[in-house]
Amino acid sequence: MQRVIAAKSPQVAQRATISAALLYFAVGTIPLMVGLAAIRLAPGITEPEQVLILRAEHYLPGILYVVFAGALVSAILSTVDSALLVSGSLLAHNVVLPVLPHATERTKLTVNRAAVATFGLLAYVLALSAPSVYGLVEQASAFGGASVFVAMTFGLFSRIGGARSATGSVVAGVGVYTVGTYGMDLPYPFLSSLVASGLVYLGVSVFERGPSLDSAEAA
C-alpha cells in the first residue's frame, strides 16, 4: 500500500510492489527455515519464540552472538519506533489538527508528542495483556488490515464507492475485529472483519455517488 501511494507513476508502483513482494517472501523464508530446522536440531525447546536466539547462541561464537542479539533487538526497537511515530502523526495531523485550524507550530508539536505518548501507553498495555510475541504480531497484522485491504482493492481496481464507503469499511472492519477478538471470542475474527468490511463498503457505495459519475454529469 505504501509503495502504491508513494509511487510517482503506475509503472513504478507496479514494479516496486512486485519487487517488494518477492523480497518479502525471500527474506521471510529465512526464519521459516530456521524454525523448521530447530524442530529436528532442538526438539525439546520449551519456549518456541526463543528458537532463533537459542540457535544463534548455540552455533555462533561469543562475539558474533552478541552482535546478532544486538542487531535483533535494534530491528525490533526500530520497527516499534517507526510504528509509534507513524501512528502519532496520523492521529495528530488527520484527526486532532483539522479541528484546530489556527494552531501554532508549538501547539502542533505538542499535539504530535502527546499522540506519540498516547500510542506508547496503548502499546505498553497491549504488550502486558498479550499472551506472547506471536500474539502481538498477529494482532498488529490483523487489526485494521482487512478493512484497509478492502478499501485499497476497491479503490485501485473498481469505480465502486468513494471516501464514505472506505471510511465505513475501515470502521466496520476494526469494530468487528475488536469485538470478535476481545468480546465474543470469535474463532476467525480476521475473516469476519474482512466480510464485514466488504459488505459495508458495498452497502455504503449504493448511497454514494462516485467522483466519476459527478464528473460525467458536470461535463
N, C-alpha and C. Protein backbone atom coordinates (compact mmCIF):
# COMPACT_ATOMS: atom_id res chain seq x y z
N MET A 1 0.83 -1.20 0.00
CA MET A 1 0.00 0.00 0.00
C MET A 1 0.87 1.26 0.00
N GLN A 2 1.95 1.24 0.82
CA GLN A 2 2.85 2.40 0.85
C GLN A 2 3.48 2.65 -0.51
N ARG A 3 3.85 1.59 -1.19
CA ARG A 3 4.52 1.76 -2.48
C ARG A 3 3.55 2.25 -3.55
N VAL A 4 2.31 1.83 -3.46
CA VAL A 4 1.31 2.30 -4.43
C VAL A 4 1.04 3.79 -4.23
N ILE A 5 0.89 4.20 -2.97
CA ILE A 5 0.55 5.60 -2.69
C ILE A 5 1.73 6.53 -2.99
N ALA A 6 2.94 6.10 -2.67
CA ALA A 6 4.10 6.98 -2.78
C ALA A 6 4.73 6.99 -4.17
N ALA A 7 4.34 6.08 -5.05
CA ALA A 7 4.99 5.98 -6.36
C ALA A 7 4.65 7.18 -7.23
N LYS A 8 5.60 7.54 -8.11
CA LYS A 8 5.40 8.70 -8.97
C LYS A 8 4.69 8.35 -10.27
N SER A 9 4.53 7.05 -10.55
CA SER A 9 3.82 6.65 -11.77
C SER A 9 3.28 5.24 -11.58
N PRO A 10 2.27 4.85 -12.38
CA PRO A 10 1.74 3.47 -12.28
C PRO A 10 2.80 2.41 -12.52
N GLN A 11 3.73 2.66 -13.44
CA GLN A 11 4.77 1.68 -13.73
C GLN A 11 5.69 1.46 -12.52
N VAL A 12 6.06 2.58 -11.87
CA VAL A 12 6.91 2.47 -10.67
C VAL A 12 6.16 1.75 -9.55
N ALA A 13 4.89 2.05 -9.40
CA ALA A 13 4.09 1.38 -8.37
C ALA A 13 4.02 -0.12 -8.61
N GLN A 14 3.82 -0.50 -9.86
CA GLN A 14 3.73 -1.92 -10.18
C GLN A 14 5.05 -2.64 -9.93
N ARG A 15 6.13 -2.06 -10.43
CA ARG A 15 7.43 -2.72 -10.27
C ARG A 15 7.86 -2.77 -8.81
N ALA A 16 7.63 -1.67 -8.08
CA ALA A 16 8.03 -1.64 -6.67
C ALA A 16 7.23 -2.65 -5.84
N THR A 17 5.94 -2.77 -6.13
CA THR A 17 5.11 -3.70 -5.38
C THR A 17 5.53 -5.15 -5.63
N ILE A 18 5.75 -5.50 -6.89
CA ILE A 18 6.17 -6.86 -7.22
C ILE A 18 7.55 -7.16 -6.63
N SER A 19 8.48 -6.21 -6.74
CA SER A 19 9.82 -6.42 -6.19
C SER A 19 9.76 -6.58 -4.67
N ALA A 20 8.96 -5.74 -4.02
CA ALA A 20 8.84 -5.83 -2.57
C ALA A 20 8.21 -7.15 -2.16
N ALA A 21 7.24 -7.63 -2.90
CA ALA A 21 6.61 -8.91 -2.57
C ALA A 21 7.60 -10.05 -2.69
N LEU A 22 8.42 -10.05 -3.76
CA LEU A 22 9.41 -11.10 -3.92
C LEU A 22 10.45 -11.06 -2.80
N LEU A 23 10.92 -9.86 -2.46
CA LEU A 23 11.87 -9.74 -1.36
C LEU A 23 11.25 -10.17 -0.04
N TYR A 24 9.99 -9.82 0.15
CA TYR A 24 9.29 -10.19 1.39
C TYR A 24 9.25 -11.70 1.57
N PHE A 25 8.89 -12.41 0.51
CA PHE A 25 8.83 -13.86 0.59
C PHE A 25 10.23 -14.46 0.73
N ALA A 26 11.22 -13.90 0.03
CA ALA A 26 12.58 -14.44 0.10
C ALA A 26 13.15 -14.30 1.50
N VAL A 27 13.03 -13.10 2.06
CA VAL A 27 13.56 -12.88 3.41
C VAL A 27 12.72 -13.65 4.45
N GLY A 28 11.42 -13.75 4.19
CA GLY A 28 10.55 -14.46 5.13
C GLY A 28 10.83 -15.94 5.24
N THR A 29 11.45 -16.52 4.21
CA THR A 29 11.78 -17.94 4.28
C THR A 29 12.94 -18.23 5.24
N ILE A 30 13.73 -17.22 5.57
CA ILE A 30 14.89 -17.45 6.45
C ILE A 30 14.44 -17.88 7.85
N PRO A 31 13.61 -17.10 8.57
CA PRO A 31 13.16 -17.58 9.88
C PRO A 31 12.30 -18.84 9.78
N LEU A 32 11.61 -19.01 8.65
CA LEU A 32 10.83 -20.23 8.47
C LEU A 32 11.74 -21.45 8.43
N MET A 33 12.83 -21.37 7.67
CA MET A 33 13.76 -22.49 7.58
C MET A 33 14.46 -22.73 8.92
N VAL A 34 14.78 -21.65 9.63
CA VAL A 34 15.39 -21.81 10.95
C VAL A 34 14.44 -22.53 11.90
N GLY A 35 13.18 -22.15 11.85
CA GLY A 35 12.20 -22.81 12.72
C GLY A 35 12.01 -24.27 12.38
N LEU A 36 11.97 -24.58 11.09
CA LEU A 36 11.82 -25.98 10.68
C LEU A 36 13.05 -26.80 11.08
N ALA A 37 14.22 -26.19 10.93
CA ALA A 37 15.44 -26.90 11.31
C ALA A 37 15.50 -27.12 12.82
N ALA A 38 15.00 -26.16 13.59
CA ALA A 38 15.05 -26.28 15.05
C ALA A 38 14.21 -27.44 15.55
N ILE A 39 13.17 -27.79 14.81
CA ILE A 39 12.34 -28.93 15.22
C ILE A 39 13.17 -30.20 15.28
N ARG A 40 14.12 -30.33 14.34
CA ARG A 40 14.98 -31.52 14.32
C ARG A 40 16.21 -31.35 15.20
N LEU A 41 16.77 -30.14 15.22
CA LEU A 41 18.02 -29.93 15.95
C LEU A 41 17.81 -29.76 17.45
N ALA A 42 16.69 -29.19 17.84
CA ALA A 42 16.42 -28.96 19.27
C ALA A 42 14.94 -29.17 19.54
N PRO A 43 14.49 -30.42 19.52
CA PRO A 43 13.06 -30.70 19.69
C PRO A 43 12.51 -30.41 21.08
N GLY A 44 13.39 -30.23 22.07
CA GLY A 44 12.91 -30.06 23.44
C GLY A 44 12.84 -28.62 23.89
N ILE A 45 12.85 -27.66 22.99
CA ILE A 45 12.80 -26.25 23.38
C ILE A 45 11.45 -25.94 24.02
N THR A 46 11.47 -25.39 25.23
CA THR A 46 10.22 -25.10 25.95
C THR A 46 9.61 -23.77 25.54
N GLU A 47 10.41 -22.86 25.00
CA GLU A 47 9.92 -21.54 24.58
C GLU A 47 10.10 -21.42 23.07
N PRO A 48 9.10 -21.77 22.27
CA PRO A 48 9.25 -21.73 20.81
C PRO A 48 9.65 -20.37 20.26
N GLU A 49 9.24 -19.29 20.93
CA GLU A 49 9.55 -17.96 20.43
C GLU A 49 11.03 -17.61 20.57
N GLN A 50 11.77 -18.39 21.34
CA GLN A 50 13.20 -18.14 21.53
C GLN A 50 14.07 -19.02 20.65
N VAL A 51 13.44 -19.68 19.66
CA VAL A 51 14.20 -20.60 18.80
C VAL A 51 15.37 -19.89 18.13
N LEU A 52 15.12 -18.73 17.54
CA LEU A 52 16.16 -18.04 16.78
C LEU A 52 17.33 -17.65 17.67
N ILE A 53 17.04 -17.06 18.81
CA ILE A 53 18.11 -16.58 19.67
C ILE A 53 18.86 -17.75 20.31
N LEU A 54 18.16 -18.86 20.62
CA LEU A 54 18.81 -20.03 21.21
C LEU A 54 19.70 -20.74 20.19
N ARG A 55 19.25 -20.81 18.95
CA ARG A 55 20.10 -21.43 17.91
C ARG A 55 21.33 -20.58 17.65
N ALA A 56 21.16 -19.26 17.67
CA ALA A 56 22.31 -18.38 17.48
C ALA A 56 23.31 -18.54 18.62
N GLU A 57 22.80 -18.66 19.84
CA GLU A 57 23.69 -18.85 20.99
C GLU A 57 24.45 -20.17 20.89
N HIS A 58 23.80 -21.18 20.32
CA HIS A 58 24.40 -22.50 20.24
C HIS A 58 25.49 -22.57 19.16
N TYR A 59 25.26 -21.93 18.02
CA TYR A 59 26.15 -22.10 16.88
C TYR A 59 27.16 -20.97 16.70
N LEU A 60 26.86 -19.78 17.20
CA LEU A 60 27.77 -18.65 16.98
C LEU A 60 28.75 -18.50 18.14
N PRO A 61 29.97 -18.07 17.85
CA PRO A 61 30.91 -17.75 18.93
C PRO A 61 30.42 -16.53 19.71
N GLY A 62 31.00 -16.31 20.87
CA GLY A 62 30.51 -15.30 21.80
C GLY A 62 30.30 -13.93 21.21
N ILE A 63 31.32 -13.38 20.52
CA ILE A 63 31.23 -12.02 20.00
C ILE A 63 30.17 -11.91 18.90
N LEU A 64 30.08 -12.93 18.04
CA LEU A 64 29.08 -12.89 16.98
C LEU A 64 27.67 -13.04 17.54
N TYR A 65 27.54 -13.81 18.61
CA TYR A 65 26.22 -13.94 19.24
C TYR A 65 25.76 -12.61 19.82
N VAL A 66 26.70 -11.88 20.44
CA VAL A 66 26.37 -10.56 20.98
C VAL A 66 25.94 -9.61 19.87
N VAL A 67 26.70 -9.64 18.77
CA VAL A 67 26.35 -8.78 17.62
C VAL A 67 24.98 -9.16 17.07
N PHE A 68 24.72 -10.46 16.95
CA PHE A 68 23.43 -10.92 16.41
C PHE A 68 22.29 -10.50 17.33
N ALA A 69 22.45 -10.70 18.64
CA ALA A 69 21.39 -10.31 19.59
C ALA A 69 21.16 -8.80 19.55
N GLY A 70 22.25 -8.03 19.46
CA GLY A 70 22.09 -6.58 19.38
C GLY A 70 21.37 -6.14 18.12
N ALA A 71 21.71 -6.79 16.99
CA ALA A 71 21.03 -6.46 15.73
C ALA A 71 19.55 -6.82 15.79
N LEU A 72 19.24 -7.95 16.43
CA LEU A 72 17.84 -8.37 16.54
C LEU A 72 17.04 -7.38 17.38
N VAL A 73 17.60 -6.98 18.52
CA VAL A 73 16.91 -6.01 19.38
C VAL A 73 16.78 -4.66 18.68
N SER A 74 17.82 -4.26 17.95
CA SER A 74 17.77 -2.98 17.22
C SER A 74 16.67 -2.99 16.17
N ALA A 75 16.53 -4.12 15.46
CA ALA A 75 15.48 -4.22 14.44
C ALA A 75 14.09 -4.12 15.08
N ILE A 76 13.92 -4.76 16.23
CA ILE A 76 12.62 -4.70 16.92
C ILE A 76 12.32 -3.28 17.37
N LEU A 77 13.30 -2.63 18.00
CA LEU A 77 13.09 -1.27 18.50
C LEU A 77 12.87 -0.29 17.36
N SER A 78 13.58 -0.48 16.26
CA SER A 78 13.39 0.41 15.10
C SER A 78 11.98 0.28 14.55
N THR A 79 11.47 -0.95 14.48
CA THR A 79 10.11 -1.17 13.98
C THR A 79 9.08 -0.53 14.90
N VAL A 80 9.27 -0.75 16.21
CA VAL A 80 8.33 -0.17 17.19
C VAL A 80 8.37 1.35 17.13
N ASP A 81 9.57 1.92 17.06
CA ASP A 81 9.72 3.37 17.00
C ASP A 81 9.01 3.94 15.78
N SER A 82 9.20 3.32 14.62
CA SER A 82 8.55 3.80 13.40
C SER A 82 7.04 3.70 13.50
N ALA A 83 6.56 2.59 14.06
CA ALA A 83 5.11 2.41 14.19
C ALA A 83 4.50 3.47 15.10
N LEU A 84 5.17 3.79 16.20
CA LEU A 84 4.65 4.81 17.12
C LEU A 84 4.65 6.19 16.48
N LEU A 85 5.72 6.52 15.76
CA LEU A 85 5.79 7.83 15.10
C LEU A 85 4.72 7.96 14.02
N VAL A 86 4.54 6.91 13.23
CA VAL A 86 3.52 6.96 12.17
C VAL A 86 2.13 7.07 12.76
N SER A 87 1.84 6.27 13.79
CA SER A 87 0.52 6.31 14.42
C SER A 87 0.25 7.68 15.04
N GLY A 88 1.25 8.20 15.75
CA GLY A 88 1.07 9.52 16.36
C GLY A 88 0.87 10.62 15.33
N SER A 89 1.62 10.56 14.24
CA SER A 89 1.48 11.58 13.18
C SER A 89 0.12 11.50 12.52
N LEU A 90 -0.35 10.30 12.24
CA LEU A 90 -1.68 10.15 11.63
C LEU A 90 -2.77 10.69 12.52
N LEU A 91 -2.70 10.38 13.82
CA LEU A 91 -3.72 10.88 14.75
C LEU A 91 -3.66 12.40 14.86
N ALA A 92 -2.45 12.93 14.97
CA ALA A 92 -2.31 14.37 15.15
C ALA A 92 -2.74 15.15 13.91
N HIS A 93 -2.27 14.75 12.73
CA HIS A 93 -2.49 15.53 11.51
C HIS A 93 -3.86 15.28 10.88
N ASN A 94 -4.40 14.09 11.04
CA ASN A 94 -5.66 13.77 10.36
C ASN A 94 -6.89 13.86 11.26
N VAL A 95 -6.69 13.85 12.57
CA VAL A 95 -7.83 13.85 13.49
C VAL A 95 -7.87 15.10 14.37
N VAL A 96 -6.74 15.39 15.02
CA VAL A 96 -6.74 16.48 16.00
C VAL A 96 -6.53 17.84 15.35
N LEU A 97 -5.48 18.00 14.56
CA LEU A 97 -5.16 19.32 14.00
C LEU A 97 -6.21 19.88 13.05
N PRO A 98 -6.94 19.06 12.27
CA PRO A 98 -8.01 19.66 11.48
C PRO A 98 -9.07 20.37 12.31
N VAL A 99 -9.21 19.98 13.57
CA VAL A 99 -10.15 20.66 14.46
C VAL A 99 -9.56 21.97 14.97
N LEU A 100 -8.24 22.12 14.87
CA LEU A 100 -7.55 23.34 15.33
C LEU A 100 -6.87 24.00 14.14
N PRO A 101 -7.62 24.62 13.25
CA PRO A 101 -7.03 25.17 12.01
C PRO A 101 -6.03 26.30 12.24
N HIS A 102 -6.12 27.00 13.39
CA HIS A 102 -5.24 28.14 13.64
C HIS A 102 -4.18 27.80 14.69
N ALA A 103 -3.85 26.54 14.82
CA ALA A 103 -2.87 26.14 15.82
C ALA A 103 -1.48 26.62 15.44
N THR A 104 -0.72 27.03 16.44
CA THR A 104 0.65 27.47 16.21
C THR A 104 1.57 26.25 16.04
N GLU A 105 2.80 26.53 15.62
CA GLU A 105 3.76 25.44 15.44
C GLU A 105 4.06 24.75 16.77
N ARG A 106 4.09 25.52 17.85
CA ARG A 106 4.32 24.93 19.17
C ARG A 106 3.17 24.01 19.55
N THR A 107 1.94 24.43 19.24
CA THR A 107 0.78 23.58 19.53
C THR A 107 0.82 22.30 18.71
N LYS A 108 1.17 22.42 17.42
CA LYS A 108 1.26 21.23 16.57
C LYS A 108 2.29 20.25 17.11
N LEU A 109 3.44 20.77 17.55
CA LEU A 109 4.48 19.90 18.10
C LEU A 109 3.99 19.22 19.38
N THR A 110 3.28 19.97 20.21
CA THR A 110 2.75 19.39 21.45
C THR A 110 1.74 18.30 21.17
N VAL A 111 0.87 18.55 20.19
CA VAL A 111 -0.13 17.54 19.82
C VAL A 111 0.53 16.28 19.30
N ASN A 112 1.55 16.44 18.46
CA ASN A 112 2.27 15.27 17.94
C ASN A 112 2.94 14.48 19.05
N ARG A 113 3.58 15.17 19.98
CA ARG A 113 4.23 14.47 21.08
C ARG A 113 3.21 13.76 21.97
N ALA A 114 2.09 14.41 22.23
CA ALA A 114 1.05 13.78 23.05
C ALA A 114 0.48 12.55 22.36
N ALA A 115 0.33 12.63 21.03
CA ALA A 115 -0.19 11.48 20.29
C ALA A 115 0.77 10.30 20.35
N VAL A 116 2.07 10.58 20.19
CA VAL A 116 3.07 9.50 20.28
C VAL A 116 3.08 8.89 21.67
N ALA A 117 3.01 9.74 22.71
CA ALA A 117 2.98 9.23 24.08
C ALA A 117 1.73 8.39 24.34
N THR A 118 0.60 8.81 23.78
CA THR A 118 -0.64 8.07 23.95
C THR A 118 -0.55 6.68 23.33
N PHE A 119 -0.03 6.61 22.12
CA PHE A 119 0.12 5.30 21.48
C PHE A 119 1.19 4.46 22.18
N GLY A 120 2.19 5.11 22.78
CA GLY A 120 3.17 4.37 23.55
C GLY A 120 2.54 3.69 24.76
N LEU A 121 1.68 4.41 25.47
CA LEU A 121 0.97 3.82 26.60
C LEU A 121 0.04 2.70 26.15
N LEU A 122 -0.64 2.92 25.02
CA LEU A 122 -1.52 1.88 24.49
C LEU A 122 -0.73 0.63 24.11
N ALA A 123 0.44 0.82 23.49
CA ALA A 123 1.29 -0.32 23.14
C ALA A 123 1.77 -1.05 24.38
N TYR A 124 2.06 -0.30 25.44
CA TYR A 124 2.50 -0.92 26.70
C TYR A 124 1.39 -1.78 27.30
N VAL A 125 0.16 -1.27 27.28
CA VAL A 125 -0.97 -2.05 27.80
C VAL A 125 -1.19 -3.30 26.98
N LEU A 126 -1.12 -3.17 25.65
CA LEU A 126 -1.29 -4.34 24.79
C LEU A 126 -0.19 -5.38 25.02
N ALA A 127 1.03 -4.90 25.24
CA ALA A 127 2.14 -5.83 25.48
C ALA A 127 1.94 -6.61 26.78
N LEU A 128 1.41 -5.95 27.80
CA LEU A 128 1.17 -6.63 29.07
C LEU A 128 0.04 -7.64 28.98
N SER A 129 -0.94 -7.35 28.14
CA SER A 129 -2.11 -8.23 28.05
C SER A 129 -1.95 -9.35 27.03
N ALA A 130 -0.95 -9.26 26.16
CA ALA A 130 -0.78 -10.27 25.11
C ALA A 130 -0.18 -11.55 25.68
N PRO A 131 -0.63 -12.70 25.22
CA PRO A 131 -0.09 -13.97 25.73
C PRO A 131 1.32 -14.26 25.25
N SER A 132 1.73 -13.70 24.10
CA SER A 132 3.04 -14.00 23.54
C SER A 132 3.40 -12.95 22.50
N VAL A 133 4.67 -12.99 22.06
CA VAL A 133 5.10 -12.10 20.99
C VAL A 133 4.37 -12.44 19.70
N TYR A 134 4.17 -13.73 19.47
CA TYR A 134 3.42 -14.15 18.28
C TYR A 134 2.01 -13.56 18.29
N GLY A 135 1.39 -13.54 19.48
CA GLY A 135 0.05 -12.96 19.59
C GLY A 135 0.05 -11.47 19.26
N LEU A 136 1.09 -10.76 19.69
CA LEU A 136 1.20 -9.33 19.37
C LEU A 136 1.36 -9.10 17.88
N VAL A 137 2.22 -9.91 17.25
CA VAL A 137 2.43 -9.78 15.80
C VAL A 137 1.14 -10.08 15.06
N GLU A 138 0.42 -11.10 15.50
CA GLU A 138 -0.83 -11.46 14.85
C GLU A 138 -1.86 -10.34 14.97
N GLN A 139 -1.97 -9.76 16.16
CA GLN A 139 -2.91 -8.66 16.36
C GLN A 139 -2.53 -7.44 15.52
N ALA A 140 -1.23 -7.12 15.49
CA ALA A 140 -0.78 -5.96 14.72
C ALA A 140 -1.05 -6.13 13.24
N SER A 141 -0.91 -7.36 12.75
CA SER A 141 -1.14 -7.61 11.32
C SER A 141 -2.63 -7.62 10.99
N ALA A 142 -3.44 -8.13 11.90
CA ALA A 142 -4.86 -8.30 11.60
C ALA A 142 -5.69 -7.07 11.92
N PHE A 143 -5.29 -6.29 12.92
CA PHE A 143 -6.09 -5.15 13.34
C PHE A 143 -6.14 -4.09 12.24
N GLY A 144 -7.28 -3.92 11.66
CA GLY A 144 -7.45 -2.94 10.59
C GLY A 144 -6.95 -3.40 9.24
N GLY A 145 -6.24 -4.54 9.19
CA GLY A 145 -5.69 -5.00 7.92
C GLY A 145 -6.76 -5.38 6.91
N ALA A 146 -7.83 -6.01 7.39
CA ALA A 146 -8.90 -6.44 6.48
C ALA A 146 -9.58 -5.23 5.84
N SER A 147 -9.90 -4.23 6.64
CA SER A 147 -10.60 -3.06 6.12
C SER A 147 -9.73 -2.26 5.16
N VAL A 148 -8.44 -2.14 5.47
CA VAL A 148 -7.53 -1.44 4.56
C VAL A 148 -7.41 -2.19 3.24
N PHE A 149 -7.35 -3.51 3.32
CA PHE A 149 -7.27 -4.33 2.11
C PHE A 149 -8.51 -4.13 1.24
N VAL A 150 -9.69 -4.12 1.86
CA VAL A 150 -10.93 -3.94 1.11
C VAL A 150 -10.98 -2.57 0.46
N ALA A 151 -10.67 -1.53 1.23
CA ALA A 151 -10.73 -0.17 0.69
C ALA A 151 -9.72 0.03 -0.44
N MET A 152 -8.50 -0.48 -0.26
CA MET A 152 -7.49 -0.33 -1.30
C MET A 152 -7.86 -1.12 -2.56
N THR A 153 -8.39 -2.31 -2.39
CA THR A 153 -8.75 -3.14 -3.55
C THR A 153 -9.84 -2.49 -4.38
N PHE A 154 -10.90 -2.04 -3.71
CA PHE A 154 -11.98 -1.36 -4.44
C PHE A 154 -11.48 -0.06 -5.06
N GLY A 155 -10.64 0.67 -4.33
CA GLY A 155 -10.15 1.94 -4.84
C GLY A 155 -9.25 1.80 -6.05
N LEU A 156 -8.44 0.74 -6.07
CA LEU A 156 -7.49 0.57 -7.17
C LEU A 156 -8.09 -0.11 -8.39
N PHE A 157 -9.02 -1.03 -8.18
CA PHE A 157 -9.46 -1.88 -9.28
C PHE A 157 -10.94 -1.72 -9.64
N SER A 158 -11.60 -0.71 -9.09
CA SER A 158 -13.01 -0.51 -9.45
C SER A 158 -13.37 0.96 -9.32
N ARG A 159 -14.54 1.28 -9.80
CA ARG A 159 -15.09 2.63 -9.65
C ARG A 159 -16.24 2.64 -8.64
N ILE A 160 -16.31 1.60 -7.84
CA ILE A 160 -17.38 1.48 -6.86
C ILE A 160 -17.01 2.26 -5.60
N GLY A 161 -17.96 3.04 -5.08
CA GLY A 161 -17.77 3.72 -3.81
C GLY A 161 -16.84 4.90 -3.88
N GLY A 162 -16.54 5.42 -2.69
CA GLY A 162 -15.68 6.59 -2.58
C GLY A 162 -15.19 6.74 -1.16
N ALA A 163 -15.02 7.98 -0.70
CA ALA A 163 -14.45 8.24 0.62
C ALA A 163 -15.34 7.70 1.74
N ARG A 164 -16.65 7.90 1.61
CA ARG A 164 -17.56 7.42 2.66
C ARG A 164 -17.57 5.90 2.73
N SER A 165 -17.54 5.26 1.59
CA SER A 165 -17.50 3.79 1.57
C SER A 165 -16.24 3.27 2.23
N ALA A 166 -15.11 3.90 1.92
CA ALA A 166 -13.85 3.48 2.53
C ALA A 166 -13.85 3.70 4.03
N THR A 167 -14.36 4.86 4.46
CA THR A 167 -14.42 5.14 5.89
C THR A 167 -15.31 4.15 6.61
N GLY A 168 -16.48 3.88 6.04
CA GLY A 168 -17.38 2.91 6.65
C GLY A 168 -16.77 1.52 6.69
N SER A 169 -16.02 1.16 5.66
CA SER A 169 -15.37 -0.14 5.61
C SER A 169 -14.33 -0.27 6.72
N VAL A 170 -13.52 0.78 6.91
CA VAL A 170 -12.48 0.75 7.95
C VAL A 170 -13.11 0.65 9.33
N VAL A 171 -14.12 1.47 9.58
CA VAL A 171 -14.78 1.45 10.90
C VAL A 171 -15.41 0.09 11.17
N ALA A 172 -16.08 -0.47 10.17
CA ALA A 172 -16.72 -1.77 10.35
C ALA A 172 -15.70 -2.87 10.57
N GLY A 173 -14.63 -2.86 9.79
CA GLY A 173 -13.61 -3.90 9.94
C GLY A 173 -12.94 -3.86 11.30
N VAL A 174 -12.54 -2.66 11.73
CA VAL A 174 -11.90 -2.53 13.04
C VAL A 174 -12.87 -2.89 14.15
N GLY A 175 -14.12 -2.46 14.03
CA GLY A 175 -15.11 -2.76 15.07
C GLY A 175 -15.38 -4.25 15.20
N VAL A 176 -15.57 -4.92 14.06
CA VAL A 176 -15.85 -6.36 14.10
C VAL A 176 -14.66 -7.13 14.64
N TYR A 177 -13.45 -6.75 14.22
CA TYR A 177 -12.27 -7.46 14.71
C TYR A 177 -12.10 -7.26 16.22
N THR A 178 -12.30 -6.03 16.69
CA THR A 178 -12.15 -5.75 18.12
C THR A 178 -13.17 -6.52 18.95
N VAL A 179 -14.44 -6.45 18.52
CA VAL A 179 -15.49 -7.16 19.26
C VAL A 179 -15.29 -8.67 19.17
N GLY A 180 -14.94 -9.14 17.97
CA GLY A 180 -14.77 -10.58 17.79
C GLY A 180 -13.59 -11.14 18.55
N THR A 181 -12.54 -10.32 18.76
CA THR A 181 -11.35 -10.79 19.45
C THR A 181 -11.47 -10.67 20.96
N TYR A 182 -11.96 -9.51 21.43
CA TYR A 182 -11.96 -9.25 22.87
C TYR A 182 -13.33 -9.40 23.52
N GLY A 183 -14.39 -9.42 22.72
CA GLY A 183 -15.71 -9.50 23.30
C GLY A 183 -16.38 -10.85 23.12
N MET A 184 -16.51 -11.28 21.88
CA MET A 184 -17.25 -12.51 21.57
C MET A 184 -16.36 -13.73 21.39
N ASP A 185 -15.05 -13.52 21.30
CA ASP A 185 -14.09 -14.61 21.12
C ASP A 185 -14.44 -15.45 19.89
N LEU A 186 -14.58 -14.78 18.76
CA LEU A 186 -14.89 -15.49 17.52
C LEU A 186 -13.71 -16.34 17.07
N PRO A 187 -13.97 -17.49 16.44
CA PRO A 187 -12.86 -18.35 16.01
C PRO A 187 -12.04 -17.73 14.87
N TYR A 188 -12.68 -16.94 14.02
CA TYR A 188 -11.97 -16.33 12.88
C TYR A 188 -12.29 -14.83 12.82
N PRO A 189 -11.74 -14.03 13.74
CA PRO A 189 -12.08 -12.60 13.75
C PRO A 189 -11.60 -11.85 12.52
N PHE A 190 -10.45 -12.26 11.96
CA PHE A 190 -9.94 -11.56 10.78
C PHE A 190 -10.86 -11.76 9.59
N LEU A 191 -11.27 -13.02 9.35
CA LEU A 191 -12.17 -13.29 8.23
C LEU A 191 -13.52 -12.59 8.44
N SER A 192 -13.98 -12.55 9.68
CA SER A 192 -15.24 -11.87 9.98
C SER A 192 -15.13 -10.38 9.68
N SER A 193 -14.00 -9.76 10.06
CA SER A 193 -13.82 -8.33 9.77
C SER A 193 -13.66 -8.09 8.28
N LEU A 194 -13.07 -9.05 7.56
CA LEU A 194 -12.93 -8.92 6.11
C LEU A 194 -14.30 -8.92 5.43
N VAL A 195 -15.16 -9.84 5.84
CA VAL A 195 -16.51 -9.91 5.27
C VAL A 195 -17.30 -8.66 5.63
N ALA A 196 -17.21 -8.22 6.89
CA ALA A 196 -17.94 -7.03 7.31
C ALA A 196 -17.48 -5.80 6.55
N SER A 197 -16.18 -5.67 6.35
CA SER A 197 -15.65 -4.52 5.60
C SER A 197 -16.18 -4.50 4.18
N GLY A 198 -16.17 -5.66 3.53
CA GLY A 198 -16.66 -5.73 2.15
C GLY A 198 -18.14 -5.41 2.04
N LEU A 199 -18.95 -5.96 2.96
CA LEU A 199 -20.39 -5.71 2.92
C LEU A 199 -20.72 -4.24 3.19
N VAL A 200 -20.03 -3.65 4.17
CA VAL A 200 -20.29 -2.24 4.48
C VAL A 200 -19.84 -1.35 3.33
N TYR A 201 -18.70 -1.67 2.73
CA TYR A 201 -18.24 -0.86 1.59
C TYR A 201 -19.27 -0.88 0.47
N LEU A 202 -19.74 -2.07 0.11
CA LEU A 202 -20.73 -2.18 -0.96
C LEU A 202 -22.05 -1.53 -0.56
N GLY A 203 -22.44 -1.68 0.71
CA GLY A 203 -23.69 -1.08 1.16
C GLY A 203 -23.67 0.43 1.12
N VAL A 204 -22.57 1.02 1.59
CA VAL A 204 -22.48 2.48 1.57
C VAL A 204 -22.34 3.00 0.14
N SER A 205 -21.67 2.24 -0.71
CA SER A 205 -21.48 2.69 -2.09
C SER A 205 -22.80 2.83 -2.85
N VAL A 206 -23.82 2.10 -2.42
CA VAL A 206 -25.13 2.21 -3.07
C VAL A 206 -25.69 3.63 -2.92
N PHE A 207 -25.40 4.26 -1.77
CA PHE A 207 -25.92 5.59 -1.50
C PHE A 207 -24.90 6.69 -1.76
N GLU A 208 -23.75 6.30 -2.27
CA GLU A 208 -22.70 7.28 -2.52
C GLU A 208 -22.42 7.40 -4.00
N ARG A 209 -22.39 8.59 -4.50
CA ARG A 209 -22.09 8.81 -5.90
C ARG A 209 -20.60 9.01 -6.06
N GLY A 210 -20.00 8.19 -6.90
CA GLY A 210 -18.56 8.25 -7.13
C GLY A 210 -18.17 9.50 -7.87
N PRO A 211 -16.89 9.87 -7.80
CA PRO A 211 -16.40 11.07 -8.49
C PRO A 211 -16.53 10.98 -10.00
N SER A 212 -16.47 9.76 -10.54
CA SER A 212 -16.57 9.65 -12.00
C SER A 212 -17.96 10.02 -12.48
N LEU A 213 -18.99 9.65 -11.69
CA LEU A 213 -20.37 9.99 -12.06
C LEU A 213 -20.59 11.49 -11.97
N ASP A 214 -20.04 12.10 -10.88
CA ASP A 214 -20.19 13.55 -10.74
C ASP A 214 -19.50 14.27 -11.89
N SER A 215 -18.33 13.80 -12.29
CA SER A 215 -17.61 14.45 -13.40
C SER A 215 -18.38 14.31 -14.71
N ALA A 216 -18.98 13.15 -14.92
CA ALA A 216 -19.73 12.93 -16.15
C ALA A 216 -20.93 13.87 -16.21
N GLU A 217 -21.63 14.02 -15.07
CA GLU A 217 -22.79 14.90 -15.06
C GLU A 217 -22.37 16.36 -15.26
N ALA A 218 -21.22 16.73 -14.65
CA ALA A 218 -20.75 18.10 -14.82
C ALA A 218 -20.39 18.39 -16.28
N ALA A 219 -19.82 17.38 -16.93
CA ALA A 219 -19.46 17.58 -18.34
C ALA A 219 -20.73 17.69 -19.21
